[in-house]
Amino acid sequence: SLLTAKAQQQPKEKSSLLWEISGKDLKSPSWLYG
């Protein structure tokens, strides 16, 4: 966490630690958490 300190920019959108993964071939959603 300390060493990997600055990544890249991404378009502005709502901030959250929790993200829902859906679509494509998924029958039900999964979740990504920071």
PDB file of all heavy atoms in Angstrom:
ATOM      1  N   SER A   1       0.820  -1.208   0.000  1.00  0.00           N
ATOM      2  CA  SER A   1       0.000   0.000   0.000  1.00  0.00           C
ATOM      3  C   SER A   1       0.851   1.252   0.000  1.00  0.00           C
ATOM      4  O   SER A   1       0.531   2.225  -0.672  1.00  0.00           O
ATOM      5  CB  SER A   1      -0.914   0.021   1.240  1.00  0.00           C
ATOM      6  OG  SER A   1      -1.935  -0.913   1.112  1.00  0.00           O
ATOM      7  N   LEU A   2       1.934   1.237   0.772  1.00  0.00           N
ATOM      8  CA  LEU A   2       2.772   2.433   0.827  1.00  0.00           C
ATOM      9  C   LEU A   2       3.561   2.603  -0.460  1.00  0.00           C
ATOM     10  O   LEU A   2       3.637   3.688  -1.019  1.00  0.00           O
ATOM     11  CB  LEU A   2       3.738   2.337   2.012  1.00  0.00           C
ATOM     12  CG  LEU A   2       4.711   3.514   2.137  1.00  0.00           C
ATOM     13  CD1 LEU A   2       3.952   4.816   2.339  1.00  0.00           C
ATOM     14  CD2 LEU A   2       5.691   3.287   3.257  1.00  0.00           C
ATOM     15  N   LEU A   3       4.167   1.538  -0.954  1.00  0.00           N
ATOM     16  CA  LEU A   3       5.041   1.663  -2.124  1.00  0.00           C
ATOM     17  C   LEU A   3       4.256   1.925  -3.395  1.00  0.00           C
ATOM     18  O   LEU A   3       4.705   2.650  -4.272  1.00  0.00           O
ATOM     19  CB  LEU A   3       5.860   0.379  -2.296  1.00  0.00           C
ATOM     20  CG  LEU A   3       7.068   0.284  -1.378  1.00  0.00           C
ATOM     21  CD1 LEU A   3       7.773  -1.037  -1.610  1.00  0.00           C
ATOM     22  CD2 LEU A   3       8.024   1.424  -1.618  1.00  0.00           C
ATOM     23  N   THR A   4       3.093   1.307  -3.520  1.00  0.00           N
ATOM     24  CA  THR A   4       2.322   1.539  -4.729  1.00  0.00           C
ATOM     25  C   THR A   4       1.554   2.832  -4.571  1.00  0.00           C
ATOM     26  O   THR A   4       0.346   2.862  -4.594  1.00  0.00           O
ATOM     27  CB  THR A   4       1.373   0.358  -4.987  1.00  0.00           C
ATOM     28  OG1 THR A   4       0.646   0.074  -3.831  1.00  0.00           O
ATOM     29  CG2 THR A   4       2.116  -0.843  -5.441  1.00  0.00           C
ATOM     30  N   ALA A   5       2.245   3.905  -4.296  1.00  0.00           N
ATOM     31  CA  ALA A   5       1.617   5.194  -4.104  1.00  0.00           C
ATOM     32  C   ALA A   5       1.754   6.095  -5.340  1.00  0.00           C
ATOM     33  O   ALA A   5       2.769   6.657  -5.512  1.00  0.00           O
ATOM     34  CB  ALA A   5       2.128   5.854  -2.867  1.00  0.00           C
ATOM     35  N   LYS A   6       0.835   6.143  -6.679  1.00  0.00           N
ATOM     36  CA  LYS A   6       0.062   7.027  -7.600  1.00  0.00           C
ATOM     37  C   LYS A   6      -0.263   6.289  -8.874  1.00  0.00           C
ATOM     38  O   LYS A   6       0.641   6.005  -9.557  1.00  0.00           O
ATOM     39  CB  LYS A   6       0.810   8.262  -7.935  1.00  0.00           C
ATOM     40  CG  LYS A   6       0.537   9.338  -6.945  1.00  0.00           C
ATOM     41  CD  LYS A   6       1.528  10.394  -7.107  1.00  0.00           C
ATOM     42  CE  LYS A   6       1.539  11.285  -5.990  1.00  0.00           C
ATOM     43  NZ  LYS A   6       2.675  12.090  -5.884  1.00  0.00           N
ATOM     44  N   ALA A   7      -1.457   6.100  -9.094  1.00  0.00           N
ATOM     45  CA  ALA A   7      -1.804   5.420 -10.341  1.00  0.00           C
ATOM     46  C   ALA A   7      -2.265   6.386 -11.389  1.00  0.00           C
ATOM     47  O   ALA A   7      -1.666   7.400 -11.601  1.00  0.00           O
ATOM     48  CB  ALA A   7      -2.840   4.329 -10.081  1.00  0.00           C
ATOM     49  N   GLN A   8      -3.372   6.075 -12.025  1.00  0.00           N
ATOM     50  CA  GLN A   8      -3.787   6.802 -13.210  1.00  0.00           C
ATOM     51  C   GLN A   8      -5.117   7.501 -12.963  1.00  0.00           C
ATOM     52  O   GLN A   8      -5.785   7.262 -11.985  1.00  0.00           O
ATOM     53  CB  GLN A   8      -3.934   5.794 -14.348  1.00  0.00           C
ATOM     54  CG  GLN A   8      -2.862   4.710 -14.343  1.00  0.00           C
ATOM     55  CD  GLN A   8      -3.121   3.583 -13.372  1.00  0.00           C
ATOM     56  OE1 GLN A   8      -3.985   3.662 -12.516  1.00  0.00           O
ATOM     57  NE2 GLN A   8      -2.347   2.547 -13.491  1.00  0.00           N
ATOM     58  N   GLN A   9      -5.488   8.367 -13.890  1.00  0.00           N
ATOM     59  CA  GLN A   9      -6.756   9.085 -13.788  1.00  0.00           C
ATOM     60  C   GLN A   9      -7.864   8.263 -14.435  1.00  0.00           C
ATOM     61  O   GLN A   9      -7.624   7.503 -15.353  1.00  0.00           O
ATOM     62  CB  GLN A   9      -6.636  10.421 -14.524  1.00  0.00           C
ATOM     63  CG  GLN A   9      -5.605  11.367 -13.912  1.00  0.00           C
ATOM     64  CD  GLN A   9      -6.105  12.025 -12.661  1.00  0.00           C
ATOM     65  OE1 GLN A   9      -7.306  12.025 -12.406  1.00  0.00           O
ATOM     66  NE2 GLN A   9      -5.214  12.570 -11.879  1.00  0.00           N
ATOM     67  N   GLN A  10      -9.095   8.434 -13.949  1.00  0.00           N
ATOM     68  CA  GLN A  10     -10.226   7.846 -14.621  1.00  0.00           C
ATOM     69  C   GLN A  10     -11.377   8.844 -14.563  1.00  0.00           C
ATOM     70  O   GLN A  10     -11.367   9.761 -13.751  1.00  0.00           O
ATOM     71  CB  GLN A  10     -10.622   6.501 -13.988  1.00  0.00           C
ATOM     72  CG  GLN A  10     -11.418   6.600 -12.706  1.00  0.00           C
ATOM     73  CD  GLN A  10     -11.818   5.221 -12.220  1.00  0.00           C
ATOM     74  OE1 GLN A  10     -11.072   4.267 -12.319  1.00  0.00           O
ATOM     75  NE2 GLN A  10     -12.986   5.099 -11.687  1.00  0.00           N
ATOM     76  N   PRO A  11     -12.345   8.723 -15.467  1.00  0.00           N
ATOM     77  CA  PRO A  11     -13.429   9.692 -15.524  1.00  0.00           C
ATOM     78  C   PRO A  11     -14.130   9.837 -14.172  1.00  0.00           C
ATOM     79  O   PRO A  11     -14.262   8.877 -13.425  1.00  0.00           O
ATOM     80  CB  PRO A  11     -14.375   9.097 -16.580  1.00  0.00           C
ATOM     81  CG  PRO A  11     -13.484   8.257 -17.424  1.00  0.00           C
ATOM     82  CD  PRO A  11     -12.457   7.690 -16.494  1.00  0.00           C
ATOM     83  N   LYS A  12     -14.562  11.048 -13.907  1.00  0.00           N
ATOM     84  CA  LYS A  12     -15.245  11.317 -12.643  1.00  0.00           C
ATOM     85  C   LYS A  12     -16.558  10.550 -12.565  1.00  0.00           C
ATOM     86  O   LYS A  12     -17.372  10.571 -13.474  1.00  0.00           O
ATOM     87  CB  LYS A  12     -15.532  12.815 -12.510  1.00  0.00           C
ATOM     88  CG  LYS A  12     -14.298  13.653 -12.185  1.00  0.00           C
ATOM     89  CD  LYS A  12     -13.888  13.455 -10.741  1.00  0.00           C
ATOM     90  CE  LYS A  12     -12.731  14.377 -10.371  1.00  0.00           C
ATOM     91  NZ  LYS A  12     -12.331  14.219  -8.975  1.00  0.00           N
ATOM     92  N   GLU A  13     -16.782   9.861 -11.489  1.00  0.00           N
ATOM     93  CA  GLU A  13     -18.053   9.218 -11.213  1.00  0.00           C
ATOM     94  C   GLU A  13     -18.197   9.111  -9.711  1.00  0.00           C
ATOM     95  O   GLU A  13     -17.272   9.458  -8.971  1.00  0.00           O
ATOM     96  CB  GLU A  13     -18.143   7.841 -11.877  1.00  0.00           C
ATOM     97  CG  GLU A  13     -17.090   6.849 -11.424  1.00  0.00           C
ATOM     98  CD  GLU A  13     -17.189   5.532 -12.183  1.00  0.00           C
ATOM     99  OE1 GLU A  13     -18.307   5.106 -12.507  1.00  0.00           O
ATOM    100  OE2 GLU A  13     -16.148   4.937 -12.472  1.00  0.00           O
ATOM    101  N   LYS A  14     -19.311   8.661  -9.242  1.00  0.00           N
ATOM    102  CA  LYS A  14     -19.535   8.591  -7.817  1.00  0.00           C
ATOM    103  C   LYS A  14     -18.457   7.734  -7.153  1.00  0.00           C
ATOM    104  O   LYS A  14     -18.030   6.727  -7.695  1.00  0.00           O
ATOM    105  CB  LYS A  14     -20.913   7.993  -7.535  1.00  0.00           C
ATOM    106  CG  LYS A  14     -22.069   8.917  -7.915  1.00  0.00           C
ATOM    107  CD  LYS A  14     -23.401   8.286  -7.549  1.00  0.00           C
ATOM    108  CE  LYS A  14     -24.564   9.226  -7.902  1.00  0.00           C
ATOM    109  NZ  LYS A  14     -25.872   8.625  -7.555  1.00  0.00           N
ATOM    110  N   SER A  15     -18.028   8.174  -5.990  1.00  0.00           N
ATOM    111  CA  SER A  15     -17.004   7.439  -5.257  1.00  0.00           C
ATOM    112  C   SER A  15     -17.635   6.358  -4.396  1.00  0.00           C
ATOM    113  O   SER A  15     -18.714   6.549  -3.827  1.00  0.00           O
ATOM    114  CB  SER A  15     -16.200   8.398  -4.371  1.00  0.00           C
ATOM    115  OG  SER A  15     -15.461   9.290  -5.145  1.00  0.00           O
ATOM    116  N   SER A  16     -16.957   5.240  -4.308  1.00  0.00           N
ATOM    117  CA  SER A  16     -17.403   4.151  -3.452  1.00  0.00           C
ATOM    118  C   SER A  16     -16.264   3.163  -3.267  1.00  0.00           C
ATOM    119  O   SER A  16     -15.388   3.042  -4.125  1.00  0.00           O
ATOM    120  CB  SER A  16     -18.614   3.437  -4.066  1.00  0.00           C
ATOM    121  OG  SER A  16     -19.053   2.392  -3.209  1.00  0.00           O
ATOM    122  N   LEU A  17     -16.289   2.476  -2.149  1.00  0.00           N
ATOM    123  CA  LEU A  17     -15.361   1.362  -1.956  1.00  0.00           C
ATOM    124  C   LEU A  17     -15.961   0.076  -2.498  1.00  0.00           C
ATOM    125  O   LEU A  17     -15.237  -0.883  -2.766  1.00  0.00           O
ATOM    126  CB  LEU A  17     -15.045   1.189  -0.461  1.00  0.00           C
ATOM    127  CG  LEU A  17     -14.303   2.341   0.215  1.00  0.00           C
ATOM    128  CD1 LEU A  17     -14.156   2.062   1.710  1.00  0.00           C
ATOM    129  CD2 LEU A  17     -12.944   2.578  -0.427  1.00  0.00           C
ATOM    130  N   LEU A  18     -17.290   0.054  -2.660  1.00  0.00           N
ATOM    131  CA  LEU A  18     -17.993  -1.143  -3.126  1.00  0.00           C
ATOM    132  C   LEU A  18     -18.492  -0.952  -4.546  1.00  0.00           C
ATOM    133  O   LEU A  18     -19.134   0.053  -4.861  1.00  0.00           O
ATOM    134  CB  LEU A  18     -19.179  -1.443  -2.194  1.00  0.00           C
ATOM    135  CG  LEU A  18     -20.025  -2.663  -2.557  1.00  0.00           C
ATOM    136  CD1 LEU A  18     -19.215  -3.958  -2.396  1.00  0.00           C
ATOM    137  CD2 LEU A  18     -21.288  -2.716  -1.684  1.00  0.00           C
ATOM    138  N   TRP A  19     -18.203  -1.944  -5.416  1.00  0.00           N
ATOM    139  CA  TRP A  19     -18.598  -1.902  -6.816  1.00  0.00           C
ATOM    140  C   TRP A  19     -19.290  -3.208  -7.197  1.00  0.00           C
ATOM    141  O   TRP A  19     -18.844  -4.287  -6.806  1.00  0.00           O
ATOM    142  CB  TRP A  19     -17.372  -1.686  -7.704  1.00  0.00           C
ATOM    143  CG  TRP A  19     -16.680  -0.399  -7.426  1.00  0.00           C
ATOM    144  CD1 TRP A  19     -15.904  -0.097  -6.337  1.00  0.00           C
ATOM    145  CD2 TRP A  19     -16.723   0.790  -8.221  1.00  0.00           C
ATOM    146  NE1 TRP A  19     -15.461   1.197  -6.402  1.00  0.00           N
ATOM    147  CE2 TRP A  19     -15.928   1.762  -7.552  1.00  0.00           C
ATOM    148  CE3 TRP A  19     -17.334   1.116  -9.437  1.00  0.00           C
ATOM    149  CZ2 TRP A  19     -15.750   3.052  -8.059  1.00  0.00           C
ATOM    150  CZ3 TRP A  19     -17.140   2.389  -9.949  1.00  0.00           C
ATOM    151  CH2 TRP A  19     -16.366   3.347  -9.262  1.00  0.00           C
ATOM    152  N   GLU A  20     -20.366  -3.081  -7.950  1.00  0.00           N
ATOM    153  CA  GLU A  20     -21.086  -4.261  -8.426  1.00  0.00           C
ATOM    154  C   GLU A  20     -20.584  -4.641  -9.817  1.00  0.00           C
ATOM    155  O   GLU A  20     -20.458  -3.793 -10.697  1.00  0.00           O
ATOM    156  CB  GLU A  20     -22.591  -3.989  -8.481  1.00  0.00           C
ATOM    157  CG  GLU A  20     -23.403  -5.198  -8.938  1.00  0.00           C
ATOM    158  CD  GLU A  20     -24.863  -4.848  -9.160  1.00  0.00           C
ATOM    159  OE1 GLU A  20     -25.187  -4.394 -10.292  1.00  0.00           O
ATOM    160  OE2 GLU A  20     -25.651  -5.010  -8.221  1.00  0.00           O
ATOM    161  N   ILE A  21     -20.309  -5.933  -9.996  1.00  0.00           N
ATOM    162  CA  ILE A  21     -19.882  -6.469 -11.292  1.00  0.00           C
ATOM    163  C   ILE A  21     -21.042  -7.253 -11.884  1.00  0.00           C
ATOM    164  O   ILE A  21     -21.545  -8.195 -11.266  1.00  0.00           O
ATOM    165  CB  ILE A  21     -18.671  -7.409 -11.143  1.00  0.00           C
ATOM    166  CG1 ILE A  21     -17.536  -6.731 -10.375  1.00  0.00           C
ATOM    167  CG2 ILE A  21     -18.185  -7.885 -12.511  1.00  0.00           C
ATOM    168  CD1 ILE A  21     -16.425  -7.687  -9.975  1.00  0.00           C
ATOM    169  N   SER A  22     -21.485  -6.880 -13.080  1.00  0.00           N
ATOM    170  CA  SER A  22     -22.612  -7.570 -13.710  1.00  0.00           C
ATOM    171  C   SER A  22     -22.412  -7.559 -15.224  1.00  0.00           C
ATOM    172  O   SER A  22     -21.406  -7.091 -15.744  1.00  0.00           O
ATOM    173  CB  SER A  22     -23.937  -6.888 -13.336  1.00  0.00           C
ATOM    174  OG  SER A  22     -23.951  -5.538 -13.791  1.00  0.00           O
ATOM    175  N   GLY A  23     -23.416  -8.088 -15.925  1.00  0.00           N
ATOM    176  CA  GLY A  23     -23.374  -8.068 -17.384  1.00  0.00           C
ATOM    177  C   GLY A  23     -22.565  -9.213 -17.958  1.00  0.00           C
ATOM    178  O   GLY A  23     -22.186 -10.164 -17.274  1.00  0.00           O
ATOM    179  N   LYS A  24     -22.335  -9.120 -19.265  1.00  0.00           N
ATOM    180  CA  LYS A  24     -21.626 -10.136 -20.032  1.00  0.00           C
ATOM    181  C   LYS A  24     -22.284 -11.496 -19.795  1.00  0.00           C
ATOM    182  O   LYS A  24     -23.459 -11.659 -20.058  1.00  0.00           O
ATOM    183  CB  LYS A  24     -20.136 -10.148 -19.691  1.00  0.00           C
ATOM    184  CG  LYS A  24     -19.272 -10.757 -20.804  1.00  0.00           C
ATOM    185  CD  LYS A  24     -17.793 -10.597 -20.548  1.00  0.00           C
ATOM    186  CE  LYS A  24     -17.008 -11.230 -21.685  1.00  0.00           C
ATOM    187  NZ  LYS A  24     -15.541 -11.101 -21.485  1.00  0.00           N
ATOM    188  N   ASP A  25     -21.534 -12.500 -19.301  1.00  0.00           N
ATOM    189  CA  ASP A  25     -22.100 -13.841 -19.152  1.00  0.00           C
ATOM    190  C   ASP A  25     -22.487 -14.157 -17.710  1.00  0.00           C
ATOM    191  O   ASP A  25     -22.746 -15.312 -17.371  1.00  0.00           O
ATOM    192  CB  ASP A  25     -21.103 -14.887 -19.655  1.00  0.00           C
ATOM    193  CG  ASP A  25     -19.758 -14.790 -18.946  1.00  0.00           C
ATOM    194  OD1 ASP A  25     -19.560 -13.820 -18.174  1.00  0.00           O
ATOM    195  OD2 ASP A  25     -18.907 -15.674 -19.163  1.00  0.00           O
ATOM    196  N   LEU A  26     -22.543 -13.152 -16.839  1.00  0.00           N
ATOM    197  CA  LEU A  26     -22.831 -13.417 -15.434  1.00  0.00           C
ATOM    198  C   LEU A  26     -24.321 -13.621 -15.202  1.00  0.00           C
ATOM    199  O   LEU A  26     -25.145 -12.805 -15.618  1.00  0.00           O
ATOM    200  CB  LEU A  26     -22.330 -12.254 -14.557  1.00  0.00           C
ATOM    201  CG  LEU A  26     -20.825 -11.949 -14.618  1.00  0.00           C
ATOM    202  CD1 LEU A  26     -20.467 -10.883 -13.584  1.00  0.00           C
ATOM    203  CD2 LEU A  26     -20.004 -13.213 -14.385  1.00  0.00           C
ATOM    204  N   LYS A  27     -24.671 -14.693 -14.503  1.00  0.00           N
ATOM    205  CA  LYS A  27     -26.066 -14.974 -14.181  1.00  0.00           C
ATOM    206  C   LYS A  27     -26.528 -14.138 -12.996  1.00  0.00           C
ATOM    207  O   LYS A  27     -27.730 -13.855 -12.854  1.00  0.00           O
ATOM    208  CB  LYS A  27     -26.234 -16.464 -13.868  1.00  0.00           C
ATOM    209  CG  LYS A  27     -25.928 -17.381 -15.062  1.00  0.00           C
ATOM    210  CD  LYS A  27     -26.092 -18.841 -14.678  1.00  0.00           C
ATOM    211  CE  LYS A  27     -25.770 -19.752 -15.858  1.00  0.00           C
ATOM    212  NZ  LYS A  27     -25.883 -21.182 -15.494  1.00  0.00           N
ATOM    213  N   SER A  28     -25.608 -13.759 -12.149  1.00  0.00           N
ATOM    214  CA  SER A  28     -25.918 -12.921 -10.990  1.00  0.00           C
ATOM    215  C   SER A  28     -24.690 -12.050 -10.705  1.00  0.00           C
ATOM    216  O   SER A  28     -23.572 -12.394 -11.094  1.00  0.00           O
ATOM    217  CB  SER A  28     -26.262 -13.782  -9.766  1.00  0.00           C
ATOM    218  OG  SER A  28     -25.226 -14.714  -9.504  1.00  0.00           O
ATOM    219  N   PRO A  29     -24.893 -10.922 -10.059  1.00  0.00           N
ATOM    220  CA  PRO A  29     -23.771 -10.000  -9.839  1.00  0.00           C
ATOM    221  C   PRO A  29     -22.764 -10.510  -8.815  1.00  0.00           C
ATOM    222  O   PRO A  29     -23.082 -11.340  -7.952  1.00  0.00           O
ATOM    223  CB  PRO A  29     -24.457  -8.721  -9.353  1.00  0.00           C
ATOM    224  CG  PRO A  29     -25.726  -9.192  -8.734  1.00  0.00           C
ATOM    225  CD  PRO A  29     -26.164 -10.373  -9.555  1.00  0.00           C
ATOM    226  N   SER A  30     -21.548 -10.007  -8.917  1.00  0.00           N
ATOM    227  CA  SER A  30     -20.528 -10.173  -7.893  1.00  0.00           C
ATOM    228  C   SER A  30     -20.109  -8.775  -7.452  1.00  0.00           C
ATOM    229  O   SER A  30     -20.607  -7.778  -7.986  1.00  0.00           O
ATOM    230  CB  SER A  30     -19.341 -10.967  -8.434  1.00  0.00           C
ATOM    231  OG  SER A  30     -19.646 -12.350  -8.556  1.00  0.00           O
ATOM    232  N   TRP A  31     -19.188  -8.702  -6.485  1.00  0.00           N
ATOM    233  CA  TRP A  31     -18.836  -7.395  -5.928  1.00  0.00           C
ATOM    234  C   TRP A  31     -17.325  -7.257  -5.777  1.00  0.00           C
ATOM    235  O   TRP A  31     -16.614  -8.230  -5.496  1.00  0.00           O
ATOM    236  CB  TRP A  31     -19.511  -7.196  -4.565  1.00  0.00           C
ATOM    237  CG  TRP A  31     -21.001  -7.215  -4.688  1.00  0.00           C
ATOM    238  CD1 TRP A  31     -21.847  -6.165  -4.892  1.00  0.00           C
ATOM    239  CD2 TRP A  31     -21.840  -8.380  -4.639  1.00  0.00           C
ATOM    240  NE1 TRP A  31     -23.145  -6.588  -4.976  1.00  0.00           N
ATOM    241  CE2 TRP A  31     -23.182  -7.950  -4.827  1.00  0.00           C
ATOM    242  CE3 TRP A  31     -21.597  -9.745  -4.464  1.00  0.00           C
ATOM    243  CZ2 TRP A  31     -24.246  -8.825  -4.835  1.00  0.00           C
ATOM    244  CZ3 TRP A  31     -22.655 -10.619  -4.483  1.00  0.00           C
ATOM    245  CH2 TRP A  31     -23.982 -10.154  -4.662  1.00  0.00           C
ATOM    246  N   LEU A  32     -16.880  -6.038  -5.963  1.00  0.00           N
ATOM    247  CA  LEU A  32     -15.468  -5.672  -5.833  1.00  0.00           C
ATOM    248  C   LEU A  32     -15.362  -4.614  -4.747  1.00  0.00           C
ATOM    249  O   LEU A  32     -16.070  -3.599  -4.794  1.00  0.00           O
ATOM    250  CB  LEU A  32     -14.960  -5.137  -7.174  1.00  0.00           C
ATOM    251  CG  LEU A  32     -13.503  -4.719  -7.272  1.00  0.00           C
ATOM    252  CD1 LEU A  32     -12.576  -5.918  -7.061  1.00  0.00           C
ATOM    253  CD2 LEU A  32     -13.241  -4.084  -8.653  1.00  0.00           C
ATOM    254  N   TYR A  33     -14.486  -4.845  -3.786  1.00  0.00           N
ATOM    255  CA  TYR A  33     -14.386  -3.942  -2.642  1.00  0.00           C
ATOM    256  C   TYR A  33     -12.938  -3.490  -2.461  1.00  0.00           C
ATOM    257  O   TYR A  33     -12.001  -4.288  -2.559  1.00  0.00           O
ATOM    258  CB  TYR A  33     -14.859  -4.644  -1.364  1.00  0.00           C
ATOM    259  CG  TYR A  33     -14.950  -3.743  -0.156  1.00  0.00           C
ATOM    260  CD1 TYR A  33     -16.054  -2.924   0.038  1.00  0.00           C
ATOM    261  CD2 TYR A  33     -13.934  -3.717   0.801  1.00  0.00           C
ATOM    262  CE1 TYR A  33     -16.148  -2.092   1.144  1.00  0.00           C
ATOM    263  CE2 TYR A  33     -14.013  -2.896   1.910  1.00  0.00           C
ATOM    264  CZ  TYR A  33     -15.136  -2.079   2.074  1.00  0.00           C
ATOM    265  OH  TYR A  33     -15.208  -1.255   3.181  1.00  0.00           O
ATOM    266  N   GLY A  34     -12.736  -2.211  -2.206  1.00  0.00           N
ATOM    267  CA  GLY A  34     -11.399  -1.656  -2.001  1.00  0.00           C
ATOM    268  C   GLY A  34     -11.053  -1.564  -0.526  1.00  0.00           C
ATOM    269  O   GLY A  34     -11.785  -0.959   0.251  1.00  0.00           O
TER     270      GLY A  34
END
